[in-house]
Structure formats: C-alpha cells, structure tokens
Amino acid sequence: MSSHDRPVPGHPQDGAAIDWARLGPLLERGAALQTPLYEQAAGWLRDLLIPDVASGTGAGQDTVGRILDVGSGPGVVSCLLAGAFPAAEVCAVDANEALLERARDRAARLGLGDRIHTHLAEVPYGLDSLGGADVIWSSRALHHVGDQRGAVAALAGHLRPGGLLAVSEGGLAPRFLPRDIGIGRPGLQSRLDAAAEDWFTEMRAALPGTAGAIEDWPAFLADAGLRTPRTRSFLLDLPAPLSADARHYIQANLTRAMELYGDQLDPDDLSTLARLADPYDPAGITRRPDAFLLAAQTVHTARAQ
C-alpha cells in the first residue's frame, strides 16, 4: 500500500478497541484480492533463493523447511507461501486468536492443514519459543510496533544461517476512482490520503515504546546484522470495471475511513465520502463502473550470515 497501512482501502488495524472478529472477513477478503501481488512477491523470494543451489552456498527454494509469517492476520499469505515453497512448514504468527482461527480454517479448506500451524504472540514479544526459520515474512505489521528497528532485529534473530527476512513496508497509496467523480470537489482521494497520513502519525505516536527513527527499512535490516539487501515493489492493477466483491471491499474500507478520520474532513468531503460508502446511492462505490484498484507494495529483504 502506501508508506503504511491506511484504511482507504488498505488493512485497517490499530488499538485494543478493534473488534477483530468483525474485521476478520474484511481483512481476509482484502488479502485475497491482492493475491496477484503476493504471488509476484513470493516468486521473487524463490528467485532470490534459487541461485544458492547452483553456487552451493545455500538451500534453495525446494529445501526451505520452515517459514514464519509474522503478523499473518487471517492466513492468506501463509497459504500462498506454503504453495510457493512446497517443502516448507509455515507458522502463522499473530496477536489475535480470532484471526489465527480464520488462518487455520483457510488452511484446512485448501488442504494445507498439515503444513500450516499458528502461534499466538505479540511482536516483538512472545517470539522466543518460535525457534528458527529459513524464511521470515512480515507484511504491514511492524509499523504497528513502537520500536520498528528493534522489531526487525527480533525477527532477524530467528533466521537460520543463510535465511531470508522479507519485510513488506511502504509502496504507493491505493487509487480506486478518477480525480473527478462527478460528485463533490475533484481531488477527494488526495485529501483522504492527507487525512490518513495524519491518522497514521497519531497512531504511531500513541504506540507503547515508540522510537523516533527515519523509516529506512534497508538500514534496519543492516543494523540487525543481515547482508545482501534487496528491495522491490509489486503492483496490484485491477482495472475498471471492478468485480462486485472488490467494490464491496472498498466500500467497507471507506466506511472504516469515516470512523477513523471523518472528523478531519470538511463537510463537503465528508458528505461525498458518505455517498461513496452508501450501498444504495447511485453514485456509491458499489454501483460505479469506473471504480478500479491500483496500488504498489514494497518488500525489503536481507540474509542472515
């Protein structure tokens, strides 16, 4: 998504007051819509590992035995990683049991229940009993930890020799409508982005143990003692007309945006946002043939010695 999660139409999360059982279906739907992006990222991780076989310096994709998906949510990416690395056991790690239950259910539906396990833990706390892994993946979770640098170091400490840590943080804010949508003042999406930035800044400031630091993820990886850093961004491009499922997903996130920072918008923009989120309004997102979903997500990787 953007340089962080944002609820238009990203992965809405923050704070103990969130009803995860209610949001679980939305998170699972959103991750499933982004499957093309995650498949690209998983393919890149495989490509980073394959040269090791020819050179004799590492395991390669087919002998990756254990993967940790840290901040797994409902387990969509956990299942994709299990498919990308067919010899691996995958451990989905999250701080919410309702989401881990969804991960277990999804794995069972896909016939992966024997290879995907779950672990209830906060990041970076509660990870000591996890043991080592050949690949550790964490997507849009570490920015919800006050000390992001320390969180990267904690994950790096669980890599086996030659193991790969992949942190998905940053990218480009999602776009889902034209600049002029025929209602309200043109450029609404840019103003929503600005409100989301303010919301994110406040969220980060309120986290326990927040440590001010330049959000240089490759530097965090290097500080954790990892080598050969690589960074690549992956595109999600779902053109108009969107599927009904994708439009309902955006609609749910627009509703979430009103809850989180509607009070930061002027009355005209708030009225426009309410119309877009209204499933019965002819100008609402669920009825618009011009709705699309375009976003980019950045993945930073590095290797253990």
C-alpha atoms as a PDB file:
ATOM      1  CA  MET A   1       0.000   0.000   0.000  1.00  0.00           C
ATOM      2  CA  SER A   2       1.376   3.399   0.814  1.00  0.00           C
ATOM      3  CA  SER A   3       4.265   4.070   3.135  1.00  0.00           C
ATOM      4  CA  HIS A   4       1.997   2.450   5.702  1.00  0.00           C
ATOM      5  CA  ASP A   5      -1.385   0.820   6.017  1.00  0.00           C
ATOM      6  CA  ARG A   6      -4.304   3.081   5.557  1.00  0.00           C
ATOM      7  CA  PRO A   7      -7.977   2.238   5.736  1.00  0.00           C
ATOM      8  CA  VAL A   8      -8.723   3.508   2.222  1.00  0.00           C
ATOM      9  CA  PRO A   9      -8.681   0.758   1.144  1.00  0.00           C
ATOM     10  CA  GLY A  10      -5.848  -0.969   2.958  1.00  0.00           C
ATOM     11  CA  HIS A  11      -5.569  -3.118   6.064  1.00  0.00           C
ATOM     12  CA  PRO A  12      -7.439  -1.335   8.863  1.00  0.00           C
ATOM     13  CA  GLN A  13      -5.872  -2.013  12.217  1.00  0.00           C
ATOM     14  CA  ASP A  14      -4.923  -0.205  15.365  1.00  0.00           C
ATOM     15  CA  GLY A  15      -5.594  -0.360  19.033  1.00  0.00           C
ATOM     16  CA  ALA A  16      -7.142  -2.736  21.505  1.00  0.00           C
ATOM     17  CA  ALA A  17     -10.672  -1.452  20.798  1.00  0.00           C
ATOM     18  CA  ILE A  18     -10.799  -3.057  17.347  1.00  0.00           C
ATOM     19  CA  ASP A  19     -13.283  -5.890  17.017  1.00  0.00           C
ATOM     20  CA  TRP A  20     -11.063  -8.370  15.181  1.00  0.00           C
ATOM     21  CA  ALA A  21     -13.817 -10.944  14.867  1.00  0.00           C
ATOM     22  CA  ARG A  22     -15.862  -8.363  12.955  1.00  0.00           C
ATOM     23  CA  LEU A  23     -12.943  -7.164  10.818  1.00  0.00           C
ATOM     24  CA  GLY A  24     -11.568 -10.631  10.083  1.00  0.00           C
ATOM     25  CA  PRO A  25     -13.701 -11.228   6.965  1.00  0.00           C
ATOM     26  CA  LEU A  26     -12.703  -7.815   5.586  1.00  0.00           C
ATOM     27  CA  LEU A  27      -9.013  -8.496   6.123  1.00  0.00           C
ATOM     28  CA  GLU A  28      -9.279 -11.907   4.505  1.00  0.00           C
ATOM     29  CA  ARG A  29     -11.180 -10.501   1.529  1.00  0.00           C
ATOM     30  CA  GLY A  30      -8.624  -7.735   1.049  1.00  0.00           C
ATOM     31  CA  ALA A  31      -5.648 -10.083   1.192  1.00  0.00           C
ATOM     32  CA  ALA A  32      -7.348 -12.442  -1.257  1.00  0.00           C
ATOM     33  CA  LEU A  33      -7.924  -9.565  -3.695  1.00  0.00           C
ATOM     34  CA  GLN A  34      -4.197  -8.836  -3.502  1.00  0.00           C
ATOM     35  CA  THR A  35      -3.248 -12.408  -4.365  1.00  0.00           C
ATOM     36  CA  PRO A  36      -1.638 -11.381  -7.698  1.00  0.00           C
ATOM     37  CA  LEU A  37       0.671  -9.018  -5.832  1.00  0.00           C
ATOM     38  CA  TYR A  38       1.594 -11.565  -3.178  1.00  0.00           C
ATOM     39  CA  GLU A  39       2.230 -14.230  -5.798  1.00  0.00           C
ATOM     40  CA  GLN A  40       4.687 -11.884  -7.520  1.00  0.00           C
ATOM     41  CA  ALA A  41       6.447 -11.270  -4.206  1.00  0.00           C
ATOM     42  CA  ALA A  42       6.628 -14.995  -3.413  1.00  0.00           C
ATOM     43  CA  GLY A  43       8.080 -15.658  -6.859  1.00  0.00           C
ATOM     44  CA  TRP A  44      10.749 -13.051  -6.206  1.00  0.00           C
ATOM     45  CA  LEU A  45      11.665 -14.702  -2.912  1.00  0.00           C
ATOM     46  CA  ARG A  46      12.037 -18.012  -4.763  1.00  0.00           C
ATOM     47  CA  ASP A  47      14.283 -16.329  -7.331  1.00  0.00           C
ATOM     48  CA  LEU A  48      16.481 -14.962  -4.552  1.00  0.00           C
ATOM     49  CA  LEU A  49      16.935 -18.473  -3.180  1.00  0.00           C
ATOM     50  CA  ILE A  50      17.369 -20.448  -6.432  1.00  0.00           C
ATOM     51  CA  PRO A  51      20.904 -19.177  -7.268  1.00  0.00           C
ATOM     52  CA  ASP A  52      22.106 -20.688  -3.996  1.00  0.00           C
ATOM     53  CA  VAL A  53      21.611 -24.186  -5.363  1.00  0.00           C
ATOM     54  CA  ALA A  54      23.886 -23.636  -8.371  1.00  0.00           C
ATOM     55  CA  SER A  55      26.560 -21.953  -6.300  1.00  0.00           C
ATOM     56  CA  GLY A  56      26.340 -24.426  -3.455  1.00  0.00           C
ATOM     57  CA  THR A  57      26.026 -21.573  -0.954  1.00  0.00           C
ATOM     58  CA  GLY A  58      22.528 -22.212   0.341  1.00  0.00           C
ATOM     59  CA  ALA A  59      19.412 -24.328   0.455  1.00  0.00           C
ATOM     60  CA  GLY A  60      17.322 -23.041  -2.451  1.00  0.00           C
ATOM     61  CA  GLN A  61      13.552 -22.982  -2.622  1.00  0.00           C
ATOM     62  CA  ASP A  62      12.818 -26.714  -2.534  1.00  0.00           C
ATOM     63  CA  THR A  63      14.649 -27.291   0.722  1.00  0.00           C
ATOM     64  CA  VAL A  64      13.236 -24.317   2.636  1.00  0.00           C
ATOM     65  CA  GLY A  65      11.981 -26.255   5.623  1.00  0.00           C
ATOM     66  CA  ARG A  66      10.318 -23.620   7.789  1.00  0.00           C
ATOM     67  CA  ILE A  67       8.652 -20.248   7.163  1.00  0.00           C
ATOM     68  CA  LEU A  68       7.328 -17.754   9.702  1.00  0.00           C
ATOM     69  CA  ASP A  69       4.555 -15.391   8.575  1.00  0.00           C
ATOM     70  CA  VAL A  70       4.715 -12.757  11.313  1.00  0.00           C
ATOM     71  CA  GLY A  71       1.606 -10.614  11.553  1.00  0.00           C
ATOM     72  CA  SER A  72      -0.214 -13.189   9.449  1.00  0.00           C
ATOM     73  CA  GLY A  73      -3.757 -11.985  10.032  1.00  0.00           C
ATOM     74  CA  PRO A  74      -6.249 -14.458   8.512  1.00  0.00           C
ATOM     75  CA  GLY A  75      -3.511 -16.509   6.855  1.00  0.00           C
ATOM     76  CA  VAL A  76      -3.987 -15.704   3.168  1.00  0.00           C
ATOM     77  CA  VAL A  77      -0.279 -15.105   2.596  1.00  0.00           C
ATOM     78  CA  SER A  78       0.628 -18.035   4.846  1.00  0.00           C
ATOM     79  CA  CYS A  79      -1.222 -20.314   2.433  1.00  0.00           C
ATOM     80  CA  LEU A  80       0.377 -18.664  -0.607  1.00  0.00           C
ATOM     81  CA  LEU A  81       3.830 -19.157   0.903  1.00  0.00           C
ATOM     82  CA  ALA A  82       3.031 -22.811   1.545  1.00  0.00           C
ATOM     83  CA  GLY A  83       2.259 -23.158  -2.154  1.00  0.00           C
ATOM     84  CA  ALA A  84       5.373 -21.287  -3.225  1.00  0.00           C
ATOM     85  CA  PHE A  85       7.641 -23.411  -1.015  1.00  0.00           C
ATOM     86  CA  PRO A  86       6.140 -26.903  -1.168  1.00  0.00           C
ATOM     87  CA  ALA A  87       8.634 -28.499   1.226  1.00  0.00           C
ATOM     88  CA  ALA A  88       8.085 -25.954   3.990  1.00  0.00           C
ATOM     89  CA  GLU A  89       6.128 -25.930   7.200  1.00  0.00           C
ATOM     90  CA  VAL A  90       4.546 -22.483   7.657  1.00  0.00           C
ATOM     91  CA  CYS A  91       3.857 -20.945  11.059  1.00  0.00           C
ATOM     92  CA  ALA A  92       1.302 -18.102  11.023  1.00  0.00           C
ATOM     93  CA  VAL A  93       2.060 -15.722  13.897  1.00  0.00           C
ATOM     94  CA  ASP A  94      -0.431 -13.104  15.047  1.00  0.00           C
ATOM     95  CA  ALA A  95      -1.547 -11.386  18.236  1.00  0.00           C
ATOM     96  CA  ASN A  96      -5.247 -12.131  17.717  1.00  0.00           C
ATOM     97  CA  GLU A  97      -6.762 -15.569  18.170  1.00  0.00           C
ATOM     98  CA  ALA A  98      -9.817 -14.778  16.022  1.00  0.00           C
ATOM     99  CA  LEU A  99      -7.557 -14.114  13.043  1.00  0.00           C
ATOM    100  CA  LEU A 100      -5.498 -17.226  13.698  1.00  0.00           C
ATOM    101  CA  GLU A 101      -8.694 -19.253  13.759  1.00  0.00           C
ATOM    102  CA  ARG A 102      -9.504 -17.908  10.306  1.00  0.00           C
ATOM    103  CA  ALA A 103      -5.975 -18.858   9.211  1.00  0.00           C
ATOM    104  CA  ARG A 104      -6.468 -22.421  10.418  1.00  0.00           C
ATOM    105  CA  ASP A 105      -9.862 -22.654   8.714  1.00  0.00           C
ATOM    106  CA  ARG A 106      -8.438 -21.331   5.449  1.00  0.00           C
ATOM    107  CA  ALA A 107      -5.533 -23.766   5.544  1.00  0.00           C
ATOM    108  CA  ALA A 108      -7.921 -26.664   6.156  1.00  0.00           C
ATOM    109  CA  ARG A 109     -10.159 -25.617   3.232  1.00  0.00           C
ATOM    110  CA  LEU A 110      -7.125 -25.543   0.936  1.00  0.00           C
ATOM    111  CA  GLY A 111      -5.836 -28.914   2.105  1.00  0.00           C
ATOM    112  CA  LEU A 112      -2.857 -27.313   3.884  1.00  0.00           C
ATOM    113  CA  GLY A 113      -3.848 -28.022   7.463  1.00  0.00           C
ATOM    114  CA  ASP A 114      -0.956 -30.428   7.973  1.00  0.00           C
ATOM    115  CA  ARG A 115       1.632 -27.852   6.871  1.00  0.00           C
ATOM    116  CA  ILE A 116       0.301 -24.591   8.342  1.00  0.00           C
ATOM    117  CA  HIS A 117       0.362 -24.051  12.098  1.00  0.00           C
ATOM    118  CA  THR A 118      -0.413 -20.986  14.192  1.00  0.00           C
ATOM    119  CA  HIS A 119       1.261 -19.213  17.098  1.00  0.00           C
ATOM    120  CA  LEU A 120      -0.370 -16.517  19.256  1.00  0.00           C
ATOM    121  CA  ALA A 121       2.177 -13.799  20.032  1.00  0.00           C
ATOM    122  CA  GLU A 122       2.784 -10.078  20.033  1.00  0.00           C
ATOM    123  CA  VAL A 123       5.683  -8.687  18.000  1.00  0.00           C
ATOM    124  CA  PRO A 124       8.454  -8.496  19.101  1.00  0.00           C
ATOM    125  CA  TYR A 125       7.374 -10.061  22.399  1.00  0.00           C
ATOM    126  CA  GLY A 126       6.305 -13.663  22.623  1.00  0.00           C
ATOM    127  CA  LEU A 127       8.533 -14.849  19.777  1.00  0.00           C
ATOM    128  CA  ASP A 128      11.179 -16.639  21.865  1.00  0.00           C
ATOM    129  CA  SER A 129       9.515 -20.041  21.611  1.00  0.00           C
ATOM    130  CA  LEU A 130       9.180 -19.916  17.821  1.00  0.00           C
ATOM    131  CA  GLY A 131      12.609 -21.314  17.012  1.00  0.00           C
ATOM    132  CA  GLY A 132      14.425 -20.745  13.734  1.00  0.00           C
ATOM    133  CA  ALA A 133      13.239 -20.382  10.159  1.00  0.00           C
ATOM    134  CA  ASP A 134      14.660 -20.351   6.639  1.00  0.00           C
ATOM    135  CA  VAL A 135      12.295 -17.582   5.513  1.00  0.00           C
ATOM    136  CA  ILE A 136      10.535 -14.973   7.648  1.00  0.00           C
ATOM    137  CA  TRP A 137       7.827 -12.847   6.032  1.00  0.00           C
ATOM    138  CA  SER A 138       6.150  -9.865   7.700  1.00  0.00           C
ATOM    139  CA  SER A 139       3.703  -7.684   5.795  1.00  0.00           C
ATOM    140  CA  ARG A 140       2.445  -4.339   7.101  1.00  0.00           C
ATOM    141  CA  ALA A 141       2.729  -5.402  10.713  1.00  0.00           C
ATOM    142  CA  LEU A 142       5.983  -3.950  12.037  1.00  0.00           C
ATOM    143  CA  HIS A 143       4.843  -0.338  11.713  1.00  0.00           C
ATOM    144  CA  HIS A 144       2.367  -1.169  14.479  1.00  0.00           C
ATOM    145  CA  VAL A 145       5.329  -1.773  16.807  1.00  0.00           C
ATOM    146  CA  GLY A 146       6.709   1.252  18.605  1.00  0.00           C
ATOM    147  CA  ASP A 147      10.360   0.318  18.039  1.00  0.00           C
ATOM    148  CA  GLN A 148      10.439  -0.760  14.394  1.00  0.00           C
ATOM    149  CA  ARG A 149      14.211  -1.164  14.328  1.00  0.00           C
ATOM    150  CA  GLY A 150      14.045  -3.412  17.383  1.00  0.00           C
ATOM    151  CA  ALA A 151      11.240  -5.446  15.806  1.00  0.00           C
ATOM    152  CA  VAL A 152      13.374  -6.118  12.714  1.00  0.00           C
ATOM    153  CA  ALA A 153      16.268  -7.187  14.926  1.00  0.00           C
ATOM    154  CA  ALA A 154      13.977  -9.527  16.868  1.00  0.00           C
ATOM    155  CA  LEU A 155      12.840 -11.224  13.653  1.00  0.00           C
ATOM    156  CA  ALA A 156      16.388 -11.437  12.312  1.00  0.00           C
ATOM    157  CA  GLY A 157      17.352 -13.300  15.462  1.00  0.00           C
ATOM    158  CA  HIS A 158      15.113 -16.194  14.382  1.00  0.00           C
ATOM    159  CA  LEU A 159      16.756 -16.713  10.983  1.00  0.00           C
ATOM    160  CA  ARG A 160      18.732 -19.864  10.388  1.00  0.00           C
ATOM    161  CA  PRO A 161      22.158 -19.419   8.739  1.00  0.00           C
ATOM    162  CA  GLY A 162      21.588 -18.101   5.210  1.00  0.00           C
ATOM    163  CA  GLY A 163      17.917 -17.478   5.986  1.00  0.00           C
ATOM    164  CA  LEU A 164      15.945 -14.720   4.285  1.00  0.00           C
ATOM    165  CA  LEU A 165      13.948 -11.991   6.063  1.00  0.00           C
ATOM    166  CA  ALA A 166      11.313 -10.206   3.931  1.00  0.00           C
ATOM    167  CA  VAL A 167       9.605  -7.125   5.343  1.00  0.00           C
ATOM    168  CA  SER A 168       6.767  -5.630   3.322  1.00  0.00           C
ATOM    169  CA  GLU A 169       6.508  -1.976   4.313  1.00  0.00           C
ATOM    170  CA  GLY A 170       5.889   1.004   2.072  1.00  0.00           C
ATOM    171  CA  GLY A 171       4.765   1.394  -1.502  1.00  0.00           C
ATOM    172  CA  LEU A 172       2.182   3.711  -3.027  1.00  0.00           C
ATOM    173  CA  ALA A 173      -1.207   4.751  -1.706  1.00  0.00           C
ATOM    174  CA  PRO A 174      -4.061   2.888  -3.402  1.00  0.00           C
ATOM    175  CA  ARG A 175      -6.132   4.566  -6.085  1.00  0.00           C
ATOM    176  CA  PHE A 176      -9.671   3.482  -6.838  1.00  0.00           C
ATOM    177  CA  LEU A 177     -11.517   6.379  -8.548  1.00  0.00           C
ATOM    178  CA  PRO A 178     -10.821   9.099 -11.134  1.00  0.00           C
ATOM    179  CA  ARG A 179      -9.850  12.561  -9.934  1.00  0.00           C
ATOM    180  CA  ASP A 180     -13.263  13.970 -10.852  1.00  0.00           C
ATOM    181  CA  ILE A 181     -16.012  11.540  -9.862  1.00  0.00           C
ATOM    182  CA  GLY A 182     -18.979  13.746 -10.690  1.00  0.00           C
ATOM    183  CA  ILE A 183     -19.922  14.477  -7.087  1.00  0.00           C
ATOM    184  CA  GLY A 184     -18.226  16.798  -4.652  1.00  0.00           C
ATOM    185  CA  ARG A 185     -14.989  18.658  -5.252  1.00  0.00           C
ATOM    186  CA  PRO A 186     -12.439  16.940  -7.561  1.00  0.00           C
ATOM    187  CA  GLY A 187      -9.346  15.501  -5.918  1.00  0.00           C
ATOM    188  CA  LEU A 188     -11.087  13.817  -2.977  1.00  0.00           C
ATOM    189  CA  GLN A 189      -8.650  10.915  -2.933  1.00  0.00           C
ATOM    190  CA  SER A 190      -5.636  13.170  -2.337  1.00  0.00           C
ATOM    191  CA  ARG A 191      -7.391  14.767   0.616  1.00  0.00           C
ATOM    192  CA  LEU A 192      -8.270  11.338   2.004  1.00  0.00           C
ATOM    193  CA  ASP A 193      -4.578  10.447   1.706  1.00  0.00           C
ATOM    194  CA  ALA A 194      -3.646  13.538   3.729  1.00  0.00           C
ATOM    195  CA  ALA A 195      -6.168  12.665   6.437  1.00  0.00           C
ATOM    196  CA  ALA A 196      -4.851   9.087   6.503  1.00  0.00           C
ATOM    197  CA  GLU A 197      -1.284  10.382   6.924  1.00  0.00           C
ATOM    198  CA  ASP A 198      -2.360  12.423   9.951  1.00  0.00           C
ATOM    199  CA  TRP A 199      -4.214   9.419  11.386  1.00  0.00           C
ATOM    200  CA  PHE A 200      -1.151   7.231  10.917  1.00  0.00           C
ATOM    201  CA  THR A 201       1.149   9.770  12.565  1.00  0.00           C
ATOM    202  CA  GLU A 202      -1.133   9.915  15.599  1.00  0.00           C
ATOM    203  CA  MET A 203      -1.366   6.123  15.694  1.00  0.00           C
ATOM    204  CA  ARG A 204       2.423   5.747  15.662  1.00  0.00           C
ATOM    205  CA  ALA A 205       2.861   8.404  18.364  1.00  0.00           C
ATOM    206  CA  ALA A 206       0.440   6.573  20.671  1.00  0.00           C
ATOM    207  CA  LEU A 207       2.177   3.181  20.430  1.00  0.00           C
ATOM    208  CA  PRO A 208       3.986   1.982  23.564  1.00  0.00           C
ATOM    209  CA  GLY A 209       7.724   2.473  23.330  1.00  0.00           C
ATOM    210  CA  THR A 210       7.571   4.490  20.129  1.00  0.00           C
ATOM    211  CA  ALA A 211      11.100   5.313  18.986  1.00  0.00           C
ATOM    212  CA  GLY A 212      11.558   8.134  16.522  1.00  0.00           C
ATOM    213  CA  ALA A 213      13.606   6.958  13.557  1.00  0.00           C
ATOM    214  CA  ILE A 214      13.903   7.546   9.837  1.00  0.00           C
ATOM    215  CA  GLU A 215      11.846   4.764   8.275  1.00  0.00           C
ATOM    216  CA  ASP A 216      14.760   3.307   6.355  1.00  0.00           C
ATOM    217  CA  TRP A 217      13.910  -0.377   6.248  1.00  0.00           C
ATOM    218  CA  PRO A 218      17.106  -1.494   4.458  1.00  0.00           C
ATOM    219  CA  ALA A 219      19.067   0.276   7.199  1.00  0.00           C
ATOM    220  CA  PHE A 220      17.027  -1.550   9.841  1.00  0.00           C
ATOM    221  CA  LEU A 221      17.926  -4.849   8.155  1.00  0.00           C
ATOM    222  CA  ALA A 222      21.610  -3.917   8.027  1.00  0.00           C
ATOM    223  CA  ASP A 223      21.584  -2.844  11.675  1.00  0.00           C
ATOM    224  CA  ALA A 224      20.207  -6.285  12.514  1.00  0.00           C
ATOM    225  CA  GLY A 225      23.384  -7.835  11.058  1.00  0.00           C
ATOM    226  CA  LEU A 226      21.828  -9.050   7.806  1.00  0.00           C
ATOM    227  CA  ARG A 227      23.556  -8.919   4.406  1.00  0.00           C
ATOM    228  CA  THR A 228      22.810  -8.600   0.677  1.00  0.00           C
ATOM    229  CA  PRO A 229      19.804  -6.295   0.992  1.00  0.00           C
ATOM    230  CA  ARG A 230      17.309  -6.210  -1.865  1.00  0.00           C
ATOM    231  CA  THR A 231      14.216  -4.058  -2.361  1.00  0.00           C
ATOM    232  CA  ARG A 232      11.467  -4.451  -4.923  1.00  0.00           C
ATOM    233  CA  SER A 233       7.914  -3.149  -5.356  1.00  0.00           C
ATOM    234  CA  PHE A 234       4.971  -5.135  -6.676  1.00  0.00           C
ATOM    235  CA  LEU A 235       1.929  -3.781  -8.475  1.00  0.00           C
ATOM    236  CA  LEU A 236      -1.715  -4.591  -7.925  1.00  0.00           C
ATOM    237  CA  ASP A 237      -3.660  -3.498 -11.004  1.00  0.00           C
ATOM    238  CA  LEU A 238      -7.364  -4.350 -11.009  1.00  0.00           C
ATOM    239  CA  PRO A 239      -8.871  -2.224 -13.791  1.00  0.00           C
ATOM    240  CA  ALA A 240     -12.438  -0.987 -14.113  1.00  0.00           C
ATOM    241  CA  PRO A 241     -14.981  -2.371 -14.052  1.00  0.00           C
ATOM    242  CA  LEU A 242     -14.157  -3.992 -10.733  1.00  0.00           C
ATOM    243  CA  SER A 243     -15.805  -7.160  -9.532  1.00  0.00           C
ATOM    244  CA  ALA A 244     -18.671  -6.747  -7.103  1.00  0.00           C
ATOM    245  CA  ASP A 245     -16.518  -8.297  -4.379  1.00  0.00           C
ATOM    246  CA  ALA A 246     -13.744  -5.745  -4.897  1.00  0.00           C
ATOM    247  CA  ARG A 247     -16.183  -2.829  -4.883  1.00  0.00           C
ATOM    248  CA  HIS A 248     -17.797  -4.065  -1.669  1.00  0.00           C
ATOM    249  CA  TYR A 249     -14.336  -4.372  -0.148  1.00  0.00           C
ATOM    250  CA  ILE A 250     -13.558  -0.738  -0.980  1.00  0.00           C
ATOM    251  CA  GLN A 251     -16.985   0.304   0.300  1.00  0.00           C
ATOM    252  CA  ALA A 252     -16.301  -1.337   3.665  1.00  0.00           C
ATOM    253  CA  ASN A 253     -12.973   0.456   3.928  1.00  0.00           C
ATOM    254  CA  LEU A 254     -14.499   3.811   3.040  1.00  0.00           C
ATOM    255  CA  THR A 255     -16.925   3.258   5.900  1.00  0.00           C
ATOM    256  CA  ARG A 256     -13.953   2.474   8.121  1.00  0.00           C
ATOM    257  CA  ALA A 257     -12.249   5.678   6.978  1.00  0.00           C
ATOM    258  CA  MET A 258     -15.245   7.737   8.089  1.00  0.00           C
ATOM    259  CA  GLU A 259     -14.997   6.132  11.533  1.00  0.00           C
ATOM    260  CA  LEU A 260     -11.271   6.753  11.868  1.00  0.00           C
ATOM    261  CA  TYR A 261     -10.793  10.252  10.494  1.00  0.00           C
ATOM    262  CA  GLY A 262     -14.065  11.579   9.131  1.00  0.00           C
ATOM    263  CA  ASP A 263     -13.802  14.428  11.644  1.00  0.00           C
ATOM    264  CA  GLN A 264     -10.676  15.646   9.819  1.00  0.00           C
ATOM    265  CA  LEU A 265     -12.562  16.211   6.565  1.00  0.00           C
ATOM    266  CA  ASP A 266     -14.511  19.328   5.678  1.00  0.00           C
ATOM    267  CA  PRO A 267     -18.309  18.928   5.493  1.00  0.00           C
ATOM    268  CA  ASP A 268     -18.379  18.715   1.689  1.00  0.00           C
ATOM    269  CA  ASP A 269     -15.750  15.952   1.539  1.00  0.00           C
ATOM    270  CA  LEU A 270     -17.404  14.065   4.388  1.00  0.00           C
ATOM    271  CA  SER A 271     -20.714  14.229   2.517  1.00  0.00           C
ATOM    272  CA  THR A 272     -19.052  12.909  -0.645  1.00  0.00           C
ATOM    273  CA  LEU A 273     -17.361  10.114   1.284  1.00  0.00           C
ATOM    274  CA  ALA A 274     -20.675   9.156   2.858  1.00  0.00           C
ATOM    275  CA  ARG A 275     -22.285   8.947  -0.573  1.00  0.00           C
ATOM    276  CA  LEU A 276     -19.465   6.782  -1.900  1.00  0.00           C
ATOM    277  CA  ALA A 277     -19.841   4.427   1.069  1.00  0.00           C
ATOM    278  CA  ASP A 278     -23.642   4.232   0.751  1.00  0.00           C
ATOM    279  CA  PRO A 279     -24.551   0.934  -0.972  1.00  0.00           C
ATOM    280  CA  TYR A 280     -27.903   2.413  -2.078  1.00  0.00           C
ATOM    281  CA  ASP A 281     -26.603   5.673  -3.566  1.00  0.00           C
ATOM    282  CA  PRO A 282     -26.380   5.554  -7.402  1.00  0.00           C
ATOM    283  CA  ALA A 283     -23.015   7.378  -7.082  1.00  0.00           C
ATOM    284  CA  GLY A 284     -21.757   4.958  -4.431  1.00  0.00           C
ATOM    285  CA  ILE A 285     -18.655   2.847  -4.978  1.00  0.00           C
ATOM    286  CA  THR A 286     -20.617  -0.422  -5.183  1.00  0.00           C
ATOM    287  CA  ARG A 287     -22.572   0.895  -8.195  1.00  0.00           C
ATOM    288  CA  ARG A 288     -19.828   2.720 -10.080  1.00  0.00           C
ATOM    289  CA  PRO A 289     -18.490   1.237 -13.336  1.00  0.00           C
ATOM    290  CA  ASP A 290     -15.414   3.499 -13.128  1.00  0.00           C
ATOM    291  CA  ALA A 291     -14.044   2.018  -9.885  1.00  0.00           C
ATOM    292  CA  PHE A 292     -10.620   0.353 -10.091  1.00  0.00           C
ATOM    293  CA  LEU A 293      -7.902  -0.679  -7.639  1.00  0.00           C
ATOM    294  CA  LEU A 294      -4.298   0.286  -8.278  1.00  0.00           C
ATOM    295  CA  ALA A 295      -1.600   0.029  -5.607  1.00  0.00           C
ATOM    296  CA  ALA A 296       2.043  -0.884  -5.080  1.00  0.00           C
ATOM    297  CA  GLN A 297       3.628  -2.675  -2.160  1.00  0.00           C
ATOM    298  CA  THR A 298       7.353  -2.640  -1.379  1.00  0.00           C
ATOM    299  CA  VAL A 299       9.266  -5.611   0.029  1.00  0.00           C
ATOM    300  CA  HIS A 300      12.688  -5.295   1.646  1.00  0.00           C
ATOM    301  CA  THR A 301      14.839  -8.399   2.078  1.00  0.00           C
ATOM    302  CA  ALA A 302      18.215  -9.384   3.508  1.00  0.00           C
ATOM    303  CA  ARG A 303      20.018 -12.589   4.512  1.00  0.00           C
ATOM    304  CA  ALA A 304      21.476 -13.983   7.690  1.00  0.00           C
ATOM    305  CA  GLN A 305      25.198 -14.763   7.726  1.00  0.00           C
END
